[in-house]
């Protein structure tokens, strides 16, 4: 089958002998195990803070929790694996001890961290670099036999917002993700989620072009993740900071669902779940 063949969008994820249905959109709650994120709800400064936030997000309806130990905000330097794992692993282990059946995604671009996280019980690897920072990542995920979130980023977190430039941002990002999916298929990754990378090497205009055309990414046959929560594409037009960007985030979440998003990656689970519920009413 040609890699350009249009396929039906995958509606389940399989990891560690379990299935997660994407027949209707699901919400991924963000847990930051890093002190320098652009927005850190609840200021997760301790394991107890992370556990409380994890419990709250699960009660509110999150299907996946996403733990990251390295900020990827504009200008951020690449973090070493030792420091990253010192932040992630205690939180991951504590959450899985309290909630052994939870689906946990680990946000990392380091293959060594991916191995450690999956060994401890993580279900998904979320790589903002799609293997461009650590060349061993894609083959590592294939060997781990878990789902992989592949995101588009122009440059690195340190350089991505210096001068983002595209001839056609939609076709270029889509072609990039198509090629990443092809590479993943070749090494045997069965479940791939694609993420256009809102805010990662894009201007505000680039981000809205991607959002308006998000439905065209369905041609790749993969579930689509939309990471819009409290980002600059909301803050700049509304002239607010991330702390005051919830209303704008909620508005764009509805647009993302109407454009075919399967997973919303969010700081605020209750509000995102309400969007999903109202989207279902609109859809029906």
Protein backbone atom coordinates (compact mmCIF):
# COMPACT_ATOMS: atom_id res chain seq x y z
CA UNK A 1 0.00 0.00 0.00
CA UNK A 2 1.35 3.46 -0.89
CA UNK A 3 2.17 5.77 1.98
CA UNK A 4 -0.01 8.35 0.20
CA UNK A 5 -3.13 6.16 0.40
CA UNK A 6 -5.93 7.85 2.36
CA UNK A 7 -7.04 5.58 5.22
CA UNK A 8 -9.94 5.63 7.67
CA UNK A 9 -8.88 7.35 10.90
CA UNK A 10 -7.79 4.88 13.57
CA UNK A 11 -10.26 4.80 16.45
CA UNK A 12 -8.42 2.79 19.14
CA UNK A 13 -5.04 2.80 20.84
CA UNK A 14 -3.47 -0.36 22.23
CA UNK A 15 -0.88 -0.36 25.00
CA UNK A 16 0.18 -2.87 27.62
CA UNK A 17 -2.68 -5.21 26.70
CA UNK A 18 -5.37 -2.53 26.99
CA UNK A 19 -7.47 -0.62 24.48
CA UNK A 20 -8.42 3.06 24.60
CA UNK A 21 -11.35 4.03 22.39
CA UNK A 22 -11.19 7.21 20.35
CA UNK A 23 -14.66 6.75 18.88
CA UNK A 24 -15.43 10.04 20.59
CA UNK A 25 -12.82 12.67 21.50
CA UNK A 26 -10.87 12.21 24.74
CA UNK A 27 -9.09 14.65 27.02
CA UNK A 28 -5.43 14.45 28.03
CA UNK A 29 -4.59 16.30 31.24
CA UNK A 30 -1.20 18.03 31.51
CA UNK A 31 0.93 17.38 34.60
CA UNK A 32 4.12 19.44 34.66
CA UNK A 33 6.97 17.98 36.71
CA UNK A 34 9.09 20.99 35.80
CA UNK A 35 9.46 24.34 37.57
CA UNK A 36 9.70 26.46 34.41
CA UNK A 37 6.72 25.65 32.21
CA UNK A 38 5.01 28.59 30.46
CA UNK A 39 1.90 27.76 32.50
CA UNK A 40 1.91 25.45 35.49
CA UNK A 41 -1.57 24.99 36.87
CA UNK A 42 -1.47 24.45 40.59
CA UNK A 43 2.31 24.96 40.64
CA UNK A 44 3.14 21.25 40.81
CA UNK A 45 6.14 21.66 43.11
CA UNK A 46 5.95 18.30 44.89
CA UNK A 47 4.84 14.71 44.38
CA UNK A 48 1.83 15.41 46.60
CA UNK A 49 0.82 18.32 44.35
CA UNK A 50 1.09 16.12 41.26
CA UNK A 51 -0.91 13.35 42.90
CA UNK A 52 -3.67 15.77 43.90
CA UNK A 53 -3.83 17.21 40.39
CA UNK A 54 -3.77 13.74 38.84
CA UNK A 55 -6.65 12.60 41.05
CA UNK A 56 -8.64 15.72 40.24
CA UNK A 57 -8.10 15.37 36.49
CA UNK A 58 -9.13 11.71 36.52
CA UNK A 59 -12.26 12.54 38.52
CA UNK A 60 -13.07 15.27 36.00
CA UNK A 61 -12.90 12.81 33.12
CA UNK A 62 -9.36 12.81 31.71
CA UNK A 63 -8.66 9.60 29.76
CA UNK A 64 -4.88 10.19 29.66
CA UNK A 65 -2.42 12.03 31.89
CA UNK A 66 0.64 13.57 30.22
CA UNK A 67 3.72 14.01 32.43
CA UNK A 68 6.66 16.11 31.29
CA UNK A 69 9.95 16.92 32.98
CA UNK A 70 11.47 19.29 30.44
CA UNK A 71 9.89 22.57 29.41
CA UNK A 72 9.58 23.08 25.67
CA UNK A 73 8.53 26.72 25.79
CA UNK A 74 10.25 29.04 23.27
CA UNK A 75 13.91 29.52 24.10
CA UNK A 76 14.19 26.44 26.31
CA UNK A 77 17.47 24.53 26.19
CA UNK A 78 17.60 20.76 25.67
CA UNK A 79 17.61 19.04 29.06
CA UNK A 80 19.85 16.07 29.93
CA UNK A 81 18.24 12.72 30.64
CA UNK A 82 19.40 12.48 34.25
CA UNK A 83 17.72 15.73 35.25
CA UNK A 84 14.61 14.89 33.26
CA UNK A 85 14.24 11.47 34.86
CA UNK A 86 14.81 12.88 38.35
CA UNK A 87 11.70 14.98 37.75
CA UNK A 88 9.53 12.46 35.89
CA UNK A 89 10.17 9.06 37.43
CA UNK A 90 9.13 9.71 41.06
CA UNK A 91 5.91 11.36 39.84
CA UNK A 92 5.19 8.57 37.36
CA UNK A 93 5.76 5.85 39.94
CA UNK A 94 3.66 7.61 42.59
CA UNK A 95 0.73 8.15 40.24
CA UNK A 96 0.77 4.55 38.99
CA UNK A 97 0.95 3.25 42.56
CA UNK A 98 -2.18 5.27 43.42
CA UNK A 99 -3.94 4.77 40.05
CA UNK A 100 -2.55 1.57 38.51
CA UNK A 101 -4.96 1.50 35.55
CA UNK A 102 -4.42 5.07 34.34
CA UNK A 103 -3.10 5.74 30.85
CA UNK A 104 0.02 7.86 31.26
CA UNK A 105 1.78 9.59 28.41
CA UNK A 106 5.35 10.73 29.05
CA UNK A 107 6.35 13.92 27.25
CA UNK A 108 10.00 13.38 26.32
CA UNK A 109 12.39 13.67 23.37
CA UNK A 110 14.97 11.36 25.00
CA UNK A 111 14.93 7.65 24.16
CA UNK A 112 16.59 6.73 27.48
CA UNK A 113 13.76 8.45 29.35
CA UNK A 114 11.23 6.65 27.16
CA UNK A 115 12.74 3.29 28.13
CA UNK A 116 12.74 4.14 31.83
CA UNK A 117 9.18 5.49 31.73
CA UNK A 118 7.70 2.52 29.91
CA UNK A 119 9.57 0.14 32.22
CA UNK A 120 7.84 1.91 35.11
CA UNK A 121 4.39 1.60 33.50
CA UNK A 122 3.88 4.49 31.06
CA UNK A 123 1.49 3.75 28.20
CA UNK A 124 2.39 6.35 25.54
CA UNK A 125 5.45 8.36 24.50
CA UNK A 126 4.79 11.96 23.45
CA UNK A 127 7.77 13.30 21.48
CA UNK A 128 7.68 16.97 20.45
CA UNK A 129 10.61 16.37 18.10
CA UNK A 130 9.35 13.24 16.26
CA UNK A 131 12.81 11.74 16.64
CA UNK A 132 14.75 14.76 15.38
CA UNK A 133 16.44 15.47 18.74
CA UNK A 134 17.23 11.85 19.61
CA UNK A 135 17.70 9.75 16.48
CA UNK A 136 17.16 6.55 18.47
CA UNK A 137 13.66 7.51 19.62
CA UNK A 138 11.53 6.02 16.85
CA UNK A 139 13.25 2.62 16.86
CA UNK A 140 13.16 2.64 20.65
CA UNK A 141 9.39 3.19 20.71
CA UNK A 142 8.96 0.40 18.16
CA UNK A 143 10.81 -1.99 20.48
CA UNK A 144 8.72 -0.82 23.44
CA UNK A 145 5.53 -1.59 21.46
CA UNK A 146 3.49 1.35 22.70
CA UNK A 147 1.69 4.26 20.99
CA UNK A 148 3.75 7.23 19.82
CA UNK A 149 2.69 10.86 19.56
CA UNK A 150 4.62 12.46 16.70
CA UNK A 151 4.61 16.26 16.65
CA UNK A 152 5.83 18.80 14.12
CA UNK A 153 8.33 21.38 15.31
CA UNK A 154 10.41 23.70 13.16
CA UNK A 155 13.86 23.83 14.75
CA UNK A 156 14.31 23.13 18.45
CA UNK A 157 12.60 24.70 21.48
CA UNK A 158 15.61 27.02 21.78
CA UNK A 159 15.35 28.29 18.18
CA UNK A 160 11.82 27.56 16.99
CA UNK A 161 10.31 31.01 17.48
CA UNK A 162 13.23 33.06 16.17
CA UNK A 163 11.90 33.34 12.61
CA UNK A 164 9.33 30.67 11.67
CA UNK A 165 8.94 30.52 7.89
CA UNK A 166 6.91 28.34 5.51
CA UNK A 167 5.84 28.56 1.90
CA UNK A 168 2.61 26.76 2.83
CA UNK A 169 2.45 25.82 6.49
CA UNK A 170 -0.45 23.36 6.11
CA UNK A 171 1.02 21.27 3.30
CA UNK A 172 4.53 21.37 4.77
CA UNK A 173 3.46 20.28 8.26
CA UNK A 174 1.17 17.59 6.84
CA UNK A 175 3.91 16.27 4.54
CA UNK A 176 6.36 16.17 7.44
CA UNK A 177 3.95 14.16 9.60
CA UNK A 178 3.19 11.85 6.69
CA UNK A 179 6.90 11.10 6.37
CA UNK A 180 7.23 10.53 10.13
CA UNK A 181 4.28 8.10 10.01
CA UNK A 182 5.98 6.29 7.13
CA UNK A 183 9.21 5.97 9.14
CA UNK A 184 7.25 4.71 12.15
CA UNK A 185 5.45 2.15 10.01
CA UNK A 186 8.73 0.88 8.60
CA UNK A 187 10.10 0.04 12.06
CA UNK A 188 6.83 -1.41 13.31
CA UNK A 189 5.07 1.26 15.40
CA UNK A 190 1.41 0.32 15.11
CA UNK A 191 -0.31 3.21 16.91
CA UNK A 192 0.74 6.72 15.89
CA UNK A 193 -0.98 9.94 16.98
CA UNK A 194 -0.17 13.05 14.96
CA UNK A 195 0.17 16.55 16.42
CA UNK A 196 0.65 19.60 14.14
CA UNK A 197 2.55 21.34 16.93
CA UNK A 198 0.63 24.53 17.59
CA UNK A 199 3.13 27.12 18.82
CA UNK A 200 6.22 25.09 17.96
CA UNK A 201 8.00 27.09 15.27
CA UNK A 202 4.88 28.90 14.06
CA UNK A 203 3.59 32.45 14.06
CA UNK A 204 0.06 33.20 15.24
CA UNK A 205 -1.01 33.26 11.58
CA UNK A 206 0.60 29.86 10.95
CA UNK A 207 -1.23 28.41 13.95
CA UNK A 208 -4.64 29.59 12.74
CA UNK A 209 -3.98 28.32 9.22
CA UNK A 210 -3.28 24.90 10.73
CA UNK A 211 -6.39 25.03 12.92
CA UNK A 212 -8.63 26.02 9.99
CA UNK A 213 -7.26 23.11 7.97
CA UNK A 214 -6.86 20.53 10.70
CA UNK A 215 -9.45 18.32 9.00
CA UNK A 216 -7.06 17.76 6.08
CA UNK A 217 -4.70 15.86 8.41
CA UNK A 218 -7.31 13.11 8.68
CA UNK A 219 -6.13 11.90 5.28
CA UNK A 220 -3.15 10.36 7.11
CA UNK A 221 -5.50 7.94 8.86
CA UNK A 222 -4.13 8.69 12.31
CA UNK A 223 -5.75 10.19 15.42
CA UNK A 224 -5.09 13.92 15.74
CA UNK A 225 -3.96 15.57 18.96
CA UNK A 226 -4.60 19.29 19.42
CA UNK A 227 -2.42 21.05 21.99
CA UNK A 228 -3.91 24.54 22.16
CA UNK A 229 -4.28 25.10 25.87
CA UNK A 230 -3.43 28.66 26.99
CA UNK A 231 -0.86 29.12 24.20
CA UNK A 232 0.32 32.36 22.61
CA UNK A 233 -2.02 31.92 19.63
CA UNK A 234 -4.77 32.66 22.17
CA UNK A 235 -2.91 35.13 24.35
CA UNK A 236 -1.60 37.42 21.61
CA UNK A 237 -4.90 38.12 19.79
CA UNK A 238 -6.76 38.56 23.09
CA UNK A 239 -3.91 40.50 24.76
CA UNK A 240 -3.99 38.29 27.85
CA UNK A 241 -1.45 36.16 29.68
CA UNK A 242 -1.77 32.35 30.02
CA UNK A 243 -3.52 32.72 33.39
CA UNK A 244 -6.40 34.52 31.65
CA UNK A 245 -6.57 32.39 28.50
CA UNK A 246 -9.09 29.74 29.58
CA UNK A 247 -12.05 31.26 27.76
CA UNK A 248 -10.08 31.54 24.53
CA UNK A 249 -8.79 28.00 24.97
CA UNK A 250 -12.34 26.70 25.34
CA UNK A 251 -13.44 28.49 22.17
CA UNK A 252 -10.62 26.98 20.13
CA UNK A 253 -11.20 23.52 21.56
CA UNK A 254 -14.64 23.51 19.95
CA UNK A 255 -13.10 24.53 16.63
CA UNK A 256 -10.50 21.75 16.94
CA UNK A 257 -13.20 19.14 17.56
CA UNK A 258 -15.23 20.38 14.61
CA UNK A 259 -12.05 20.07 12.53
CA UNK A 260 -11.57 16.44 13.52
CA UNK A 261 -9.34 16.43 16.61
CA UNK A 262 -9.46 13.17 18.57
CA UNK A 263 -7.45 14.20 21.65
CA UNK A 264 -7.42 17.55 23.43
CA UNK A 265 -4.26 18.11 25.49
CA UNK A 266 -5.30 20.54 28.23
CA UNK A 267 -4.52 22.19 31.54
CA UNK A 268 -8.23 22.43 32.46
CA UNK A 269 -10.03 19.10 32.22
CA UNK A 270 -13.53 20.08 33.40
CA UNK A 271 -13.89 22.81 30.79
CA UNK A 272 -12.51 20.59 28.02
CA UNK A 273 -14.92 17.79 28.94
CA UNK A 274 -17.79 20.26 28.72
CA UNK A 275 -16.65 21.20 25.21
CA UNK A 276 -16.63 17.53 24.21
CA UNK A 277 -20.12 17.04 25.62
CA UNK A 278 -21.51 20.10 23.80
CA UNK A 279 -19.70 19.09 20.59
CA UNK A 280 -21.55 15.76 20.77
CA UNK A 281 -24.86 17.65 20.97
CA UNK A 282 -23.91 19.81 18.00
CA UNK A 283 -22.76 16.76 16.03
CA UNK A 284 -25.97 14.82 16.70
